[in-house]
Amino acid sequence: MDAVVKSLSARLAPANADKKSATKSLITKPSREEAEAAVRTLIEWCGDDPGREGLLDTPRRVVKAFEELYRGYGEAPEEQLERVFEEVSGYSDIVLVRNIEFYSHCEHHMVPFVGKAHIAYYPDGGVVGLSKLARVVDSYARRLQTQEALTAQVLETIVNGLKPRGAAVMIEAEHMCMSMRGVRKHGASTITTQFSGVFKSDPSEQARFMTLVRDYR
């Protein structure tokens, strides 16, 4: 096991790695065996025995769970917006999807934060399938994140993918790093917003977005 754990320390990415690869990971991905060995080490560090009956299969289960919880690293959110529907009978008003539930993990403590995202945009020649917006949120949420970065990443992807006249993203979330540890303030929520285009330049559009999100729940 010692050899496996030690091999985790020297996996730097090549200096000439392309930008896309660099944003996915700064290190070469360890093997499943190495990941499971790391979990066993953490169990021992916590003070328990990874060899006892109840924990024998825990490393395998944790690694399998991580594949689901952090699957966003293997996804390309921008691909969700590649298909645009132009036959919308001239519709050009606001499109709003509210209450998109998501689950993410704080990159500082690796504990969950959960909440809802609200997304709006003014189409400029076409619209995207509504479920695609939810998939964009999910792809970014299934990574180690901060709420601020998640908000900015979702907006940037929508702006680059749809080229709308304006886009707005609002995220509300509760962070377990505040509820479970530290100050332990259960129920405290954090709100972040990001705007582009007409939403950024026209305060009345921001107000309309906020009203639609708040008043029709």
C-alpha atoms as a PDB file:
ATOM      1  CA  MET A   1       0.000   0.000   0.000  1.00  0.00           C
ATOM      2  CA  ASP A   2       2.872   2.388   0.824  1.00  0.00           C
ATOM      3  CA  ALA A   3       4.139   2.252  -2.743  1.00  0.00           C
ATOM      4  CA  VAL A   4       0.684   3.002  -4.088  1.00  0.00           C
ATOM      5  CA  VAL A   5       0.134   5.969  -1.783  1.00  0.00           C
ATOM      6  CA  LYS A   6       3.591   7.419  -2.436  1.00  0.00           C
ATOM      7  CA  SER A   7       2.998   7.327  -6.182  1.00  0.00           C
ATOM      8  CA  LEU A   8       0.209   9.872  -5.780  1.00  0.00           C
ATOM      9  CA  SER A   9       2.638  12.688  -4.974  1.00  0.00           C
ATOM     10  CA  ALA A  10       4.480  13.077  -8.293  1.00  0.00           C
ATOM     11  CA  ARG A  11       1.877  13.394 -11.009  1.00  0.00           C
ATOM     12  CA  LEU A  12       2.303  16.897 -12.429  1.00  0.00           C
ATOM     13  CA  ALA A  13       0.734  17.609 -15.801  1.00  0.00           C
ATOM     14  CA  PRO A  14       3.064  18.357 -18.758  1.00  0.00           C
ATOM     15  CA  ALA A  15       4.050  22.020 -19.018  1.00  0.00           C
ATOM     16  CA  ASN A  16       2.820  22.213 -22.598  1.00  0.00           C
ATOM     17  CA  ALA A  17      -0.615  20.692 -21.917  1.00  0.00           C
ATOM     18  CA  ASP A  18      -3.369  22.428 -23.841  1.00  0.00           C
ATOM     19  CA  LYS A  19      -5.775  24.736 -22.035  1.00  0.00           C
ATOM     20  CA  LYS A  20      -8.690  22.320 -22.140  1.00  0.00           C
ATOM     21  CA  SER A  21      -6.672  19.557 -20.508  1.00  0.00           C
ATOM     22  CA  ALA A  22      -5.252  21.940 -17.927  1.00  0.00           C
ATOM     23  CA  THR A  23      -8.678  23.121 -16.831  1.00  0.00           C
ATOM     24  CA  LYS A  24      -9.865  19.548 -16.379  1.00  0.00           C
ATOM     25  CA  SER A  25      -7.019  18.595 -14.060  1.00  0.00           C
ATOM     26  CA  LEU A  26      -3.652  19.824 -12.888  1.00  0.00           C
ATOM     27  CA  ILE A  27      -2.444  16.281 -12.210  1.00  0.00           C
ATOM     28  CA  THR A  28      -2.508  12.965 -13.998  1.00  0.00           C
ATOM     29  CA  LYS A  29      -5.470  10.909 -12.828  1.00  0.00           C
ATOM     30  CA  PRO A  30      -4.473   8.212 -10.322  1.00  0.00           C
ATOM     31  CA  SER A  31      -5.568   4.614 -10.796  1.00  0.00           C
ATOM     32  CA  ARG A  32      -8.607   3.189  -9.025  1.00  0.00           C
ATOM     33  CA  GLU A  33      -6.280   1.161  -6.829  1.00  0.00           C
ATOM     34  CA  GLU A  34      -4.449   4.313  -5.774  1.00  0.00           C
ATOM     35  CA  ALA A  35      -7.719   6.126  -5.071  1.00  0.00           C
ATOM     36  CA  GLU A  36      -8.978   3.279  -2.893  1.00  0.00           C
ATOM     37  CA  ALA A  37      -5.642   3.209  -1.027  1.00  0.00           C
ATOM     38  CA  ALA A  38      -6.014   6.933  -0.336  1.00  0.00           C
ATOM     39  CA  VAL A  39      -9.467   6.332   1.176  1.00  0.00           C
ATOM     40  CA  ARG A  40      -8.053   3.634   3.432  1.00  0.00           C
ATOM     41  CA  THR A  41      -5.360   6.072   4.564  1.00  0.00           C
ATOM     42  CA  LEU A  42      -7.985   8.683   5.447  1.00  0.00           C
ATOM     43  CA  ILE A  43      -9.992   6.113   7.405  1.00  0.00           C
ATOM     44  CA  GLU A  44      -6.881   5.310   9.423  1.00  0.00           C
ATOM     45  CA  TRP A  45      -6.155   9.017   9.901  1.00  0.00           C
ATOM     46  CA  CYS A  46      -9.678   9.475  11.318  1.00  0.00           C
ATOM     47  CA  GLY A  47      -8.851   6.838  13.895  1.00  0.00           C
ATOM     48  CA  ASP A  48     -10.736   3.836  12.570  1.00  0.00           C
ATOM     49  CA  ASP A  49      -9.635   0.465  11.220  1.00  0.00           C
ATOM     50  CA  PRO A  50     -10.163   0.039   7.454  1.00  0.00           C
ATOM     51  CA  GLY A  51      -9.806  -3.693   7.989  1.00  0.00           C
ATOM     52  CA  ARG A  52     -12.880  -4.086  10.165  1.00  0.00           C
ATOM     53  CA  GLU A  53     -15.987  -5.664   8.666  1.00  0.00           C
ATOM     54  CA  GLY A  54     -18.049  -2.512   8.226  1.00  0.00           C
ATOM     55  CA  LEU A  55     -15.248  -0.670   6.421  1.00  0.00           C
ATOM     56  CA  LEU A  56     -13.761  -3.407   4.266  1.00  0.00           C
ATOM     57  CA  ASP A  57     -15.663  -2.337   1.144  1.00  0.00           C
ATOM     58  CA  THR A  58     -15.841   1.374   1.961  1.00  0.00           C
ATOM     59  CA  PRO A  59     -12.878   2.444  -0.224  1.00  0.00           C
ATOM     60  CA  ARG A  60     -14.468   0.827  -3.274  1.00  0.00           C
ATOM     61  CA  ARG A  61     -17.831   2.434  -2.501  1.00  0.00           C
ATOM     62  CA  VAL A  62     -16.288   5.868  -1.944  1.00  0.00           C
ATOM     63  CA  VAL A  63     -14.423   5.783  -5.249  1.00  0.00           C
ATOM     64  CA  LYS A  64     -17.584   4.684  -7.043  1.00  0.00           C
ATOM     65  CA  ALA A  65     -19.533   7.510  -5.387  1.00  0.00           C
ATOM     66  CA  PHE A  66     -16.838  10.016  -6.399  1.00  0.00           C
ATOM     67  CA  GLU A  67     -17.271   8.962 -10.034  1.00  0.00           C
ATOM     68  CA  GLU A  68     -20.895  10.104  -9.801  1.00  0.00           C
ATOM     69  CA  LEU A  69     -20.404  13.150  -7.582  1.00  0.00           C
ATOM     70  CA  TYR A  70     -17.564  14.541  -9.723  1.00  0.00           C
ATOM     71  CA  ARG A  71     -18.569  13.307 -13.148  1.00  0.00           C
ATOM     72  CA  GLY A  72     -18.580  16.897 -14.395  1.00  0.00           C
ATOM     73  CA  TYR A  73     -14.826  16.704 -14.958  1.00  0.00           C
ATOM     74  CA  GLY A  74     -15.489  14.280 -17.794  1.00  0.00           C
ATOM     75  CA  GLU A  75     -18.212  16.391 -19.407  1.00  0.00           C
ATOM     76  CA  ALA A  76     -18.128  19.370 -21.768  1.00  0.00           C
ATOM     77  CA  PRO A  77     -21.013  21.671 -20.738  1.00  0.00           C
ATOM     78  CA  GLU A  78     -20.734  23.768 -23.891  1.00  0.00           C
ATOM     79  CA  GLU A  79     -21.758  20.752 -25.987  1.00  0.00           C
ATOM     80  CA  GLN A  80     -25.224  20.908 -24.426  1.00  0.00           C
ATOM     81  CA  LEU A  81     -25.935  24.148 -26.289  1.00  0.00           C
ATOM     82  CA  GLU A  82     -24.799  23.120 -29.753  1.00  0.00           C
ATOM     83  CA  ARG A  83     -28.310  22.467 -31.066  1.00  0.00           C
ATOM     84  CA  VAL A  84     -30.425  25.616 -31.374  1.00  0.00           C
ATOM     85  CA  PHE A  85     -34.045  25.684 -32.550  1.00  0.00           C
ATOM     86  CA  GLU A  86     -34.750  28.600 -34.874  1.00  0.00           C
ATOM     87  CA  GLU A  87     -38.419  27.885 -35.649  1.00  0.00           C
ATOM     88  CA  VAL A  88     -39.978  29.739 -32.715  1.00  0.00           C
ATOM     89  CA  SER A  89     -42.538  31.835 -34.594  1.00  0.00           C
ATOM     90  CA  GLY A  90     -40.585  35.008 -34.013  1.00  0.00           C
ATOM     91  CA  TYR A  91     -40.464  34.677 -30.217  1.00  0.00           C
ATOM     92  CA  SER A  92     -37.833  37.029 -28.801  1.00  0.00           C
ATOM     93  CA  ASP A  93     -38.931  37.726 -25.225  1.00  0.00           C
ATOM     94  CA  ILE A  94     -37.390  36.396 -22.045  1.00  0.00           C
ATOM     95  CA  VAL A  95     -36.898  32.663 -21.511  1.00  0.00           C
ATOM     96  CA  LEU A  96     -36.616  31.744 -17.853  1.00  0.00           C
ATOM     97  CA  VAL A  97     -35.991  28.380 -16.188  1.00  0.00           C
ATOM     98  CA  ARG A  98     -36.371  28.533 -12.414  1.00  0.00           C
ATOM     99  CA  ASN A  99     -35.596  26.220  -9.532  1.00  0.00           C
ATOM    100  CA  ILE A 100     -32.965  24.021 -11.165  1.00  0.00           C
ATOM    101  CA  GLU A 101     -31.841  21.896  -8.231  1.00  0.00           C
ATOM    102  CA  PHE A 102     -28.156  21.076  -7.987  1.00  0.00           C
ATOM    103  CA  TYR A 103     -25.694  19.400  -5.652  1.00  0.00           C
ATOM    104  CA  SER A 104     -22.065  20.432  -5.540  1.00  0.00           C
ATOM    105  CA  HIS A 105     -19.019  20.245  -3.265  1.00  0.00           C
ATOM    106  CA  CYS A 106     -17.046  23.121  -1.785  1.00  0.00           C
ATOM    107  CA  GLU A 107     -13.490  23.099  -3.097  1.00  0.00           C
ATOM    108  CA  HIS A 108     -12.198  24.360   0.255  1.00  0.00           C
ATOM    109  CA  HIS A 109     -13.558  21.582   2.500  1.00  0.00           C
ATOM    110  CA  MET A 110     -14.988  19.012   0.054  1.00  0.00           C
ATOM    111  CA  VAL A 111     -18.355  19.100   1.815  1.00  0.00           C
ATOM    112  CA  PRO A 112     -21.648  19.611  -0.037  1.00  0.00           C
ATOM    113  CA  PHE A 113     -23.479  22.776  -0.904  1.00  0.00           C
ATOM    114  CA  VAL A 114     -26.955  22.412  -2.350  1.00  0.00           C
ATOM    115  CA  GLY A 115     -29.405  24.807  -3.885  1.00  0.00           C
ATOM    116  CA  LYS A 116     -31.259  26.061  -6.927  1.00  0.00           C
ATOM    117  CA  ALA A 117     -30.229  27.928 -10.046  1.00  0.00           C
ATOM    118  CA  HIS A 118     -32.405  30.330 -12.040  1.00  0.00           C
ATOM    119  CA  ILE A 119     -31.438  31.095 -15.639  1.00  0.00           C
ATOM    120  CA  ALA A 120     -32.880  33.590 -18.104  1.00  0.00           C
ATOM    121  CA  TYR A 121     -31.894  34.789 -21.546  1.00  0.00           C
ATOM    122  CA  TYR A 122     -33.215  36.860 -24.425  1.00  0.00           C
ATOM    123  CA  PRO A 123     -32.875  34.733 -27.577  1.00  0.00           C
ATOM    124  CA  ASP A 124     -31.330  36.204 -30.669  1.00  0.00           C
ATOM    125  CA  GLY A 125     -32.477  34.000 -33.519  1.00  0.00           C
ATOM    126  CA  GLY A 126     -33.119  30.748 -31.697  1.00  0.00           C
ATOM    127  CA  VAL A 127     -33.707  28.898 -28.436  1.00  0.00           C
ATOM    128  CA  VAL A 128     -32.216  25.832 -26.825  1.00  0.00           C
ATOM    129  CA  GLY A 129     -33.990  22.854 -25.287  1.00  0.00           C
ATOM    130  CA  LEU A 130     -34.894  23.752 -21.699  1.00  0.00           C
ATOM    131  CA  SER A 131     -33.336  20.621 -20.223  1.00  0.00           C
ATOM    132  CA  LYS A 132     -30.003  21.647 -21.731  1.00  0.00           C
ATOM    133  CA  LEU A 133     -29.765  24.602 -19.365  1.00  0.00           C
ATOM    134  CA  ALA A 134     -30.217  22.255 -16.416  1.00  0.00           C
ATOM    135  CA  ARG A 135     -27.519  19.982 -17.825  1.00  0.00           C
ATOM    136  CA  VAL A 136     -25.098  22.890 -18.057  1.00  0.00           C
ATOM    137  CA  VAL A 137     -25.661  23.639 -14.379  1.00  0.00           C
ATOM    138  CA  ASP A 138     -25.229  19.984 -13.447  1.00  0.00           C
ATOM    139  CA  SER A 139     -22.006  19.565 -15.419  1.00  0.00           C
ATOM    140  CA  TYR A 140     -20.339  22.424 -13.565  1.00  0.00           C
ATOM    141  CA  ALA A 141     -21.901  21.562 -10.196  1.00  0.00           C
ATOM    142  CA  ARG A 142     -20.482  18.019 -10.343  1.00  0.00           C
ATOM    143  CA  ARG A 143     -16.987  19.342  -9.696  1.00  0.00           C
ATOM    144  CA  LEU A 144     -15.161  20.887  -6.766  1.00  0.00           C
ATOM    145  CA  GLN A 145     -16.572  24.387  -6.818  1.00  0.00           C
ATOM    146  CA  THR A 146     -17.222  27.743  -5.272  1.00  0.00           C
ATOM    147  CA  GLN A 147     -20.694  29.192  -5.738  1.00  0.00           C
ATOM    148  CA  GLU A 148     -19.232  32.326  -7.267  1.00  0.00           C
ATOM    149  CA  ALA A 149     -17.302  30.373  -9.891  1.00  0.00           C
ATOM    150  CA  LEU A 150     -20.288  28.144 -10.640  1.00  0.00           C
ATOM    151  CA  THR A 151     -22.454  31.210 -11.314  1.00  0.00           C
ATOM    152  CA  ALA A 152     -19.875  32.759 -13.641  1.00  0.00           C
ATOM    153  CA  GLN A 153     -19.203  29.503 -15.513  1.00  0.00           C
ATOM    154  CA  VAL A 154     -22.887  28.893 -16.241  1.00  0.00           C
ATOM    155  CA  LEU A 155     -23.368  32.420 -17.547  1.00  0.00           C
ATOM    156  CA  GLU A 156     -20.235  32.324 -19.702  1.00  0.00           C
ATOM    157  CA  THR A 157     -21.281  29.029 -21.285  1.00  0.00           C
ATOM    158  CA  ILE A 158     -24.737  30.394 -22.137  1.00  0.00           C
ATOM    159  CA  VAL A 159     -23.294  33.595 -23.585  1.00  0.00           C
ATOM    160  CA  ASN A 160     -20.733  31.746 -25.704  1.00  0.00           C
ATOM    161  CA  GLY A 161     -23.115  29.010 -26.798  1.00  0.00           C
ATOM    162  CA  LEU A 162     -26.315  30.929 -27.556  1.00  0.00           C
ATOM    163  CA  LYS A 163     -25.066  34.467 -28.248  1.00  0.00           C
ATOM    164  CA  PRO A 164     -28.217  35.884 -26.626  1.00  0.00           C
ATOM    165  CA  ARG A 165     -29.071  39.560 -26.366  1.00  0.00           C
ATOM    166  CA  GLY A 166     -28.656  39.113 -22.637  1.00  0.00           C
ATOM    167  CA  ALA A 167     -28.423  36.388 -20.005  1.00  0.00           C
ATOM    168  CA  ALA A 168     -28.917  36.227 -16.244  1.00  0.00           C
ATOM    169  CA  VAL A 169     -27.990  33.598 -13.679  1.00  0.00           C
ATOM    170  CA  MET A 170     -28.969  33.547 -10.026  1.00  0.00           C
ATOM    171  CA  ILE A 171     -27.923  30.789  -7.623  1.00  0.00           C
ATOM    172  CA  GLU A 172     -29.200  30.250  -4.085  1.00  0.00           C
ATOM    173  CA  ALA A 173     -27.468  27.646  -1.949  1.00  0.00           C
ATOM    174  CA  GLU A 174     -26.844  26.399   1.567  1.00  0.00           C
ATOM    175  CA  HIS A 175     -23.257  25.447   2.333  1.00  0.00           C
ATOM    176  CA  MET A 176     -22.607  22.547   4.660  1.00  0.00           C
ATOM    177  CA  CYS A 177     -19.198  24.032   5.494  1.00  0.00           C
ATOM    178  CA  MET A 178     -21.217  26.660   7.398  1.00  0.00           C
ATOM    179  CA  SER A 179     -23.964  24.332   8.634  1.00  0.00           C
ATOM    180  CA  MET A 180     -22.017  21.225   9.666  1.00  0.00           C
ATOM    181  CA  ARG A 181     -18.750  22.791  10.832  1.00  0.00           C
ATOM    182  CA  GLY A 182     -17.201  26.163  11.620  1.00  0.00           C
ATOM    183  CA  VAL A 183     -19.883  28.646  12.673  1.00  0.00           C
ATOM    184  CA  ARG A 184     -22.608  25.960  12.307  1.00  0.00           C
ATOM    185  CA  LYS A 185     -25.345  28.298  11.138  1.00  0.00           C
ATOM    186  CA  HIS A 186     -27.987  25.959   9.753  1.00  0.00           C
ATOM    187  CA  GLY A 187     -30.346  27.544   7.238  1.00  0.00           C
ATOM    188  CA  ALA A 188     -28.054  30.386   6.182  1.00  0.00           C
ATOM    189  CA  SER A 189     -28.222  30.808   2.411  1.00  0.00           C
ATOM    190  CA  THR A 190     -25.949  32.477  -0.109  1.00  0.00           C
ATOM    191  CA  ILE A 191     -27.154  34.231  -3.273  1.00  0.00           C
ATOM    192  CA  THR A 192     -24.949  35.006  -6.263  1.00  0.00           C
ATOM    193  CA  THR A 193     -25.899  36.656  -9.550  1.00  0.00           C
ATOM    194  CA  GLN A 194     -24.242  37.283 -12.892  1.00  0.00           C
ATOM    195  CA  PHE A 195     -25.569  39.297 -15.840  1.00  0.00           C
ATOM    196  CA  SER A 196     -24.658  39.973 -19.446  1.00  0.00           C
ATOM    197  CA  GLY A 197     -26.023  42.015 -22.347  1.00  0.00           C
ATOM    198  CA  VAL A 198     -29.302  43.815 -21.713  1.00  0.00           C
ATOM    199  CA  PHE A 199     -29.515  42.368 -18.205  1.00  0.00           C
ATOM    200  CA  LYS A 200     -26.207  43.996 -17.338  1.00  0.00           C
ATOM    201  CA  SER A 201     -26.838  47.340 -19.035  1.00  0.00           C
ATOM    202  CA  ASP A 202     -30.495  47.850 -18.081  1.00  0.00           C
ATOM    203  CA  PRO A 203     -31.404  47.794 -14.350  1.00  0.00           C
ATOM    204  CA  SER A 204     -35.083  47.354 -15.244  1.00  0.00           C
ATOM    205  CA  GLU A 205     -34.274  44.028 -16.908  1.00  0.00           C
ATOM    206  CA  GLN A 206     -32.489  42.886 -13.777  1.00  0.00           C
ATOM    207  CA  ALA A 207     -35.538  43.891 -11.768  1.00  0.00           C
ATOM    208  CA  ARG A 208     -37.815  41.973 -14.137  1.00  0.00           C
ATOM    209  CA  PHE A 209     -35.653  38.882 -13.792  1.00  0.00           C
ATOM    210  CA  MET A 210     -35.706  39.101  -9.993  1.00  0.00           C
ATOM    211  CA  THR A 211     -39.463  39.626  -9.970  1.00  0.00           C
ATOM    212  CA  LEU A 212     -40.108  36.607 -12.175  1.00  0.00           C
ATOM    213  CA  VAL A 213     -37.860  34.441 -10.003  1.00  0.00           C
ATOM    214  CA  ARG A 214     -39.365  35.589  -6.707  1.00  0.00           C
ATOM    215  CA  ASP A 215     -43.056  36.218  -7.405  1.00  0.00           C
ATOM    216  CA  TYR A 216     -44.094  33.082  -9.257  1.00  0.00           C
ATOM    217  CA  ARG A 217     -42.762  30.295  -7.048  1.00  0.00           C
END
